[in-house]
């Protein structure tokens, strides 16, 4: 088993971006200014980066024969991001997915209540 952590994917946008959005002129007369929106969401970029990292680790572990079957427990948004980048062979090894964020769950009984019965 291996624990992977990516604190940047849990950070707030203002903690990930050091600069404020640029400003521009709204009209041809140049009498009004507005802030430009960020083209991308920094938190989403970090989540996607972490999903790619996890997908690569799963691909390597599957190739090495570390697991035959896989159960993934992740928050719904991360689970979707992981599905998007997961290797086809790894995806075929997935036997169950639990779309639940259990990062802060410390009680084993509570954790088991989220998992499918066939796991224990």
N, C-alpha and C. Protein backbone atom coordinates (compact mmCIF):
# COMPACT_ATOMS: atom_id res chain seq x y z
N UNK A 1 0.85 -1.18 0.00
CA UNK A 1 0.00 0.00 0.00
C UNK A 1 0.89 1.24 0.00
N UNK A 2 0.37 2.25 -0.59
CA UNK A 2 1.12 3.50 -0.69
C UNK A 2 0.17 4.66 -0.46
N UNK A 3 0.60 5.63 0.29
CA UNK A 3 -0.20 6.83 0.52
C UNK A 3 0.33 7.95 -0.36
N UNK A 4 -0.56 8.57 -1.11
CA UNK A 4 -0.20 9.71 -1.94
C UNK A 4 -0.92 10.94 -1.41
N UNK A 5 -0.21 12.01 -1.34
CA UNK A 5 -0.78 13.25 -0.82
C UNK A 5 -0.43 14.40 -1.76
N UNK A 6 -1.35 15.32 -1.91
CA UNK A 6 -1.13 16.48 -2.77
C UNK A 6 -1.86 17.66 -2.15
N UNK A 7 -1.19 18.35 -1.24
CA UNK A 7 -1.83 19.44 -0.49
C UNK A 7 -2.28 20.58 -1.38
N UNK A 8 -1.62 20.77 -2.52
CA UNK A 8 -2.00 21.87 -3.41
C UNK A 8 -3.42 21.70 -3.94
N UNK A 9 -3.88 20.46 -4.11
CA UNK A 9 -5.22 20.24 -4.64
C UNK A 9 -6.30 20.56 -3.61
N UNK A 10 -5.92 20.72 -2.34
CA UNK A 10 -6.88 21.10 -1.31
C UNK A 10 -6.78 22.57 -0.94
N UNK A 11 -5.86 23.30 -1.57
CA UNK A 11 -5.65 24.71 -1.24
C UNK A 11 -6.71 25.59 -1.90
N UNK A 12 -6.90 26.75 -1.34
CA UNK A 12 -7.81 27.74 -1.91
C UNK A 12 -7.13 28.41 -3.10
N UNK A 13 -7.94 28.91 -4.03
CA UNK A 13 -7.38 29.56 -5.22
C UNK A 13 -6.42 30.68 -4.87
N UNK A 14 -6.76 31.51 -3.88
CA UNK A 14 -5.89 32.64 -3.54
C UNK A 14 -4.55 32.18 -2.98
N UNK A 15 -4.48 30.95 -2.49
CA UNK A 15 -3.21 30.41 -2.00
C UNK A 15 -2.36 29.85 -3.14
N UNK A 16 -3.00 29.56 -4.28
CA UNK A 16 -2.29 28.97 -5.41
C UNK A 16 -1.80 30.01 -6.41
N UNK A 17 -2.45 31.16 -6.43
CA UNK A 17 -2.12 32.19 -7.42
C UNK A 17 -1.59 33.41 -6.69
N UNK A 18 -0.42 33.87 -7.11
CA UNK A 18 0.19 35.00 -6.40
C UNK A 18 -0.25 36.34 -6.97
N UNK A 19 -0.66 36.38 -8.22
CA UNK A 19 -1.02 37.65 -8.85
C UNK A 19 -2.53 37.82 -8.91
N UNK A 20 -2.95 39.06 -8.84
CA UNK A 20 -4.36 39.37 -9.05
C UNK A 20 -4.62 39.35 -10.55
N UNK A 21 -5.88 39.13 -10.94
CA UNK A 21 -6.19 39.18 -12.37
C UNK A 21 -5.86 40.55 -12.94
N UNK A 22 -5.50 40.58 -14.23
CA UNK A 22 -5.21 41.85 -14.89
C UNK A 22 -6.45 42.71 -15.02
N UNK A 23 -6.23 43.96 -15.40
CA UNK A 23 -7.35 44.88 -15.57
C UNK A 23 -7.32 45.42 -16.99
N UNK A 24 -8.49 45.76 -17.50
CA UNK A 24 -8.57 46.29 -18.85
C UNK A 24 -9.62 47.37 -18.94
N UNK A 25 -9.66 48.02 -20.08
CA UNK A 25 -10.64 49.08 -20.32
C UNK A 25 -11.89 48.47 -20.91
N UNK A 26 -13.06 48.87 -20.40
CA UNK A 26 -14.32 48.27 -20.82
C UNK A 26 -14.82 48.82 -22.15
N UNK A 27 -14.70 50.08 -22.38
CA UNK A 27 -15.29 50.66 -23.58
C UNK A 27 -14.25 51.30 -24.47
N UNK A 28 -14.69 51.71 -25.64
CA UNK A 28 -13.79 52.36 -26.59
C UNK A 28 -13.32 53.71 -26.06
N UNK A 29 -14.15 54.34 -25.23
CA UNK A 29 -13.78 55.64 -24.66
C UNK A 29 -12.75 55.49 -23.55
N UNK A 30 -12.62 54.29 -23.02
CA UNK A 30 -11.67 54.06 -21.94
C UNK A 30 -12.12 54.63 -20.63
N UNK A 31 -13.44 54.75 -20.45
CA UNK A 31 -13.94 55.38 -19.24
C UNK A 31 -14.26 54.40 -18.11
N UNK A 32 -14.17 53.12 -18.34
CA UNK A 32 -14.46 52.14 -17.29
C UNK A 32 -13.41 51.03 -17.34
N UNK A 33 -13.04 50.55 -16.16
CA UNK A 33 -12.07 49.46 -16.08
C UNK A 33 -12.73 48.25 -15.44
N UNK A 34 -12.23 47.09 -15.75
CA UNK A 34 -12.74 45.86 -15.16
C UNK A 34 -11.60 44.86 -15.00
N UNK A 35 -11.80 43.92 -14.09
CA UNK A 35 -10.79 42.88 -13.88
C UNK A 35 -11.06 41.73 -14.84
N UNK A 36 -10.00 41.17 -15.41
CA UNK A 36 -10.12 40.00 -16.25
C UNK A 36 -10.32 38.78 -15.37
N UNK A 37 -11.15 37.87 -15.83
CA UNK A 37 -11.33 36.60 -15.12
C UNK A 37 -10.16 35.68 -15.46
N UNK A 38 -9.81 34.83 -14.49
CA UNK A 38 -8.80 33.81 -14.77
C UNK A 38 -9.36 32.84 -15.81
N UNK A 39 -8.56 32.47 -16.77
CA UNK A 39 -9.00 31.55 -17.82
C UNK A 39 -9.18 30.14 -17.28
N UNK A 40 -8.46 29.80 -16.23
CA UNK A 40 -8.54 28.46 -15.65
C UNK A 40 -8.67 28.57 -14.14
N UNK A 41 -9.20 27.53 -13.55
CA UNK A 41 -9.35 27.45 -12.10
C UNK A 41 -8.11 26.77 -11.53
N UNK A 42 -7.30 27.48 -10.75
CA UNK A 42 -6.06 26.88 -10.23
C UNK A 42 -6.30 25.61 -9.40
N UNK A 43 -7.37 25.58 -8.61
CA UNK A 43 -7.64 24.40 -7.80
C UNK A 43 -7.98 23.21 -8.69
N UNK A 44 -8.71 23.45 -9.77
CA UNK A 44 -9.04 22.37 -10.70
C UNK A 44 -7.78 21.88 -11.42
N UNK A 45 -6.89 22.78 -11.77
CA UNK A 45 -5.63 22.37 -12.40
C UNK A 45 -4.82 21.48 -11.48
N UNK A 46 -4.75 21.83 -10.19
CA UNK A 46 -4.01 21.01 -9.23
C UNK A 46 -4.68 19.66 -9.03
N UNK A 47 -6.03 19.65 -8.98
CA UNK A 47 -6.74 18.37 -8.85
C UNK A 47 -6.44 17.48 -10.04
N UNK A 48 -6.46 18.05 -11.24
CA UNK A 48 -6.19 17.27 -12.45
C UNK A 48 -4.74 16.79 -12.48
N UNK A 49 -3.83 17.62 -12.00
CA UNK A 49 -2.41 17.22 -11.94
C UNK A 49 -2.24 16.04 -10.99
N UNK A 50 -2.91 16.09 -9.85
CA UNK A 50 -2.82 14.99 -8.89
C UNK A 50 -3.49 13.73 -9.47
N UNK A 51 -4.59 13.89 -10.17
CA UNK A 51 -5.25 12.74 -10.79
C UNK A 51 -4.32 12.04 -11.78
N UNK A 52 -3.60 12.83 -12.57
CA UNK A 52 -2.64 12.25 -13.51
C UNK A 52 -1.53 11.51 -12.77
N UNK A 53 -1.06 12.08 -11.65
CA UNK A 53 -0.01 11.44 -10.86
C UNK A 53 -0.51 10.10 -10.30
N UNK A 54 -1.72 10.09 -9.75
CA UNK A 54 -2.28 8.86 -9.20
C UNK A 54 -2.49 7.83 -10.31
N UNK A 55 -2.98 8.28 -11.45
CA UNK A 55 -3.21 7.37 -12.58
C UNK A 55 -1.90 6.72 -13.03
N UNK A 56 -0.83 7.49 -13.07
CA UNK A 56 0.48 6.92 -13.45
C UNK A 56 0.97 5.91 -12.44
N UNK A 57 0.78 6.21 -11.14
CA UNK A 57 1.20 5.26 -10.10
C UNK A 57 0.39 3.97 -10.19
N UNK A 58 -0.93 4.09 -10.44
CA UNK A 58 -1.77 2.90 -10.57
C UNK A 58 -1.37 2.08 -11.80
N UNK A 59 -1.05 2.76 -12.88
CA UNK A 59 -0.63 2.06 -14.10
C UNK A 59 0.66 1.29 -13.86
N UNK A 60 1.63 1.93 -13.20
CA UNK A 60 2.89 1.25 -12.90
C UNK A 60 2.68 0.06 -11.96
N UNK A 61 1.86 0.25 -10.94
CA UNK A 61 1.61 -0.84 -9.98
C UNK A 61 0.88 -2.00 -10.66
N UNK A 62 -0.06 -1.69 -11.51
CA UNK A 62 -0.79 -2.75 -12.22
C UNK A 62 0.15 -3.51 -13.15
N UNK A 63 1.02 -2.78 -13.84
CA UNK A 63 1.99 -3.40 -14.75
C UNK A 63 2.95 -4.32 -13.98
N UNK A 64 3.29 -3.95 -12.74
CA UNK A 64 4.19 -4.75 -11.92
C UNK A 64 3.47 -5.91 -11.23
N UNK A 65 2.17 -6.00 -11.39
CA UNK A 65 1.40 -7.08 -10.77
C UNK A 65 1.11 -6.86 -9.31
N UNK A 66 1.17 -5.63 -8.85
CA UNK A 66 0.91 -5.32 -7.44
C UNK A 66 -0.55 -5.62 -7.08
N UNK A 67 -1.47 -5.42 -8.01
CA UNK A 67 -2.87 -5.72 -7.76
C UNK A 67 -3.52 -6.28 -9.02
N UNK A 68 -4.54 -7.11 -8.79
CA UNK A 68 -5.34 -7.62 -9.91
C UNK A 68 -6.66 -6.86 -9.98
N UNK A 69 -7.17 -6.51 -8.80
CA UNK A 69 -8.45 -5.82 -8.70
C UNK A 69 -8.25 -4.57 -7.86
N UNK A 70 -9.09 -3.59 -8.10
CA UNK A 70 -8.92 -2.30 -7.44
C UNK A 70 -10.27 -1.74 -7.02
N UNK A 71 -10.32 -1.19 -5.83
CA UNK A 71 -11.49 -0.45 -5.36
C UNK A 71 -11.01 0.97 -5.09
N UNK A 72 -11.69 1.93 -5.68
CA UNK A 72 -11.29 3.33 -5.54
C UNK A 72 -12.30 4.05 -4.67
N UNK A 73 -11.78 4.71 -3.65
CA UNK A 73 -12.60 5.55 -2.77
C UNK A 73 -12.05 6.96 -2.90
N UNK A 74 -12.88 7.87 -3.41
CA UNK A 74 -12.43 9.24 -3.63
C UNK A 74 -13.63 10.17 -3.67
N UNK A 75 -13.37 11.45 -3.49
CA UNK A 75 -14.45 12.43 -3.60
C UNK A 75 -15.01 12.37 -5.02
N UNK A 76 -16.28 12.71 -5.19
CA UNK A 76 -16.88 12.62 -6.53
C UNK A 76 -16.11 13.39 -7.60
N UNK A 77 -15.67 14.60 -7.30
CA UNK A 77 -14.97 15.39 -8.32
C UNK A 77 -13.61 14.78 -8.67
N UNK A 78 -12.91 14.26 -7.66
CA UNK A 78 -11.62 13.63 -7.94
C UNK A 78 -11.80 12.32 -8.68
N UNK A 79 -12.83 11.58 -8.32
CA UNK A 79 -13.10 10.32 -8.99
C UNK A 79 -13.34 10.55 -10.48
N UNK A 80 -14.08 11.59 -10.81
CA UNK A 80 -14.30 11.92 -12.21
C UNK A 80 -13.01 12.30 -12.92
N UNK A 81 -12.19 13.10 -12.26
CA UNK A 81 -10.90 13.50 -12.85
C UNK A 81 -10.00 12.29 -13.05
N UNK A 82 -10.02 11.36 -12.11
CA UNK A 82 -9.19 10.15 -12.21
C UNK A 82 -9.68 9.26 -13.35
N UNK A 83 -10.99 9.11 -13.48
CA UNK A 83 -11.53 8.30 -14.58
C UNK A 83 -11.08 8.85 -15.93
N UNK A 84 -11.02 10.17 -16.04
CA UNK A 84 -10.65 10.80 -17.31
C UNK A 84 -9.24 10.46 -17.76
N UNK A 85 -8.34 10.19 -16.82
CA UNK A 85 -6.93 9.98 -17.18
C UNK A 85 -6.44 8.55 -16.89
N UNK A 86 -7.32 7.71 -16.41
CA UNK A 86 -6.90 6.36 -16.03
C UNK A 86 -6.62 5.49 -17.25
N UNK A 87 -5.56 4.70 -17.17
CA UNK A 87 -5.20 3.75 -18.19
C UNK A 87 -6.33 2.72 -18.38
N UNK A 88 -6.53 2.29 -19.61
CA UNK A 88 -7.61 1.36 -19.93
C UNK A 88 -7.49 0.05 -19.16
N UNK A 89 -6.27 -0.49 -19.03
CA UNK A 89 -6.07 -1.75 -18.30
C UNK A 89 -6.37 -1.59 -16.82
N UNK A 90 -6.00 -0.46 -16.26
CA UNK A 90 -6.30 -0.20 -14.85
C UNK A 90 -7.80 -0.06 -14.67
N UNK A 91 -8.45 0.64 -15.58
CA UNK A 91 -9.91 0.82 -15.49
C UNK A 91 -10.63 -0.53 -15.50
N UNK A 92 -10.13 -1.50 -16.27
CA UNK A 92 -10.74 -2.83 -16.30
C UNK A 92 -10.53 -3.57 -14.98
N UNK A 93 -9.51 -3.20 -14.22
CA UNK A 93 -9.25 -3.85 -12.93
C UNK A 93 -10.12 -3.28 -11.81
N UNK A 94 -10.77 -2.15 -12.04
CA UNK A 94 -11.60 -1.52 -11.01
C UNK A 94 -12.85 -2.36 -10.79
N UNK A 95 -13.02 -2.83 -9.56
CA UNK A 95 -14.18 -3.66 -9.21
C UNK A 95 -15.28 -2.83 -8.54
N UNK A 96 -14.91 -1.71 -7.95
CA UNK A 96 -15.91 -0.85 -7.31
C UNK A 96 -15.34 0.55 -7.14
N UNK A 97 -16.25 1.51 -7.15
CA UNK A 97 -15.90 2.90 -6.89
C UNK A 97 -16.83 3.42 -5.81
N UNK A 98 -16.26 4.14 -4.85
CA UNK A 98 -17.05 4.76 -3.80
C UNK A 98 -16.81 6.26 -3.91
N UNK A 99 -17.83 6.98 -4.32
CA UNK A 99 -17.72 8.43 -4.50
C UNK A 99 -18.01 9.13 -3.18
N UNK A 100 -17.03 9.10 -2.30
CA UNK A 100 -17.18 9.68 -0.97
C UNK A 100 -15.82 10.20 -0.51
N UNK A 101 -15.79 11.41 0.01
CA UNK A 101 -14.55 11.97 0.55
C UNK A 101 -14.40 11.47 1.99
N UNK A 102 -13.44 10.58 2.21
CA UNK A 102 -13.25 9.98 3.53
C UNK A 102 -11.91 10.40 4.15
N UNK A 103 -11.33 11.46 3.65
CA UNK A 103 -10.01 11.90 4.12
C UNK A 103 -10.01 12.18 5.62
N UNK A 104 -11.07 12.77 6.12
CA UNK A 104 -11.10 13.16 7.53
C UNK A 104 -11.76 12.12 8.43
N UNK A 105 -12.17 10.98 7.87
CA UNK A 105 -12.81 9.93 8.66
C UNK A 105 -11.72 9.17 9.41
N UNK A 106 -11.80 9.16 10.73
CA UNK A 106 -10.80 8.47 11.54
C UNK A 106 -11.34 7.18 12.17
N UNK A 107 -12.62 7.10 12.37
CA UNK A 107 -13.23 5.94 13.00
C UNK A 107 -13.38 4.80 12.00
N UNK A 108 -12.76 3.64 12.26
CA UNK A 108 -12.85 2.52 11.32
C UNK A 108 -14.29 2.08 11.04
N UNK A 109 -15.15 2.13 12.04
CA UNK A 109 -16.54 1.74 11.83
C UNK A 109 -17.26 2.66 10.87
N UNK A 110 -16.99 3.93 10.99
CA UNK A 110 -17.59 4.89 10.07
C UNK A 110 -17.06 4.68 8.66
N UNK A 111 -15.77 4.45 8.55
CA UNK A 111 -15.18 4.20 7.23
C UNK A 111 -15.79 2.95 6.60
N UNK A 112 -15.93 1.88 7.36
CA UNK A 112 -16.51 0.64 6.84
C UNK A 112 -17.94 0.85 6.35
N UNK A 113 -18.66 1.77 6.98
CA UNK A 113 -20.05 1.99 6.58
C UNK A 113 -20.15 2.56 5.16
N UNK A 114 -19.08 3.17 4.68
CA UNK A 114 -19.08 3.71 3.32
C UNK A 114 -18.63 2.69 2.27
N UNK A 115 -18.03 1.61 2.70
CA UNK A 115 -17.43 0.65 1.77
C UNK A 115 -18.41 -0.48 1.43
N UNK A 116 -18.27 -1.06 0.24
CA UNK A 116 -19.11 -2.20 -0.13
C UNK A 116 -18.86 -3.39 0.79
N UNK A 117 -19.91 -4.18 1.03
CA UNK A 117 -19.82 -5.32 1.94
C UNK A 117 -18.77 -6.35 1.52
N UNK A 118 -18.55 -6.51 0.21
CA UNK A 118 -17.64 -7.57 -0.23
C UNK A 118 -16.18 -7.30 0.12
N UNK A 119 -15.86 -6.12 0.63
CA UNK A 119 -14.48 -5.80 0.97
C UNK A 119 -14.05 -6.35 2.33
N UNK A 120 -14.98 -6.67 3.17
CA UNK A 120 -14.61 -7.15 4.51
C UNK A 120 -15.52 -8.25 4.98
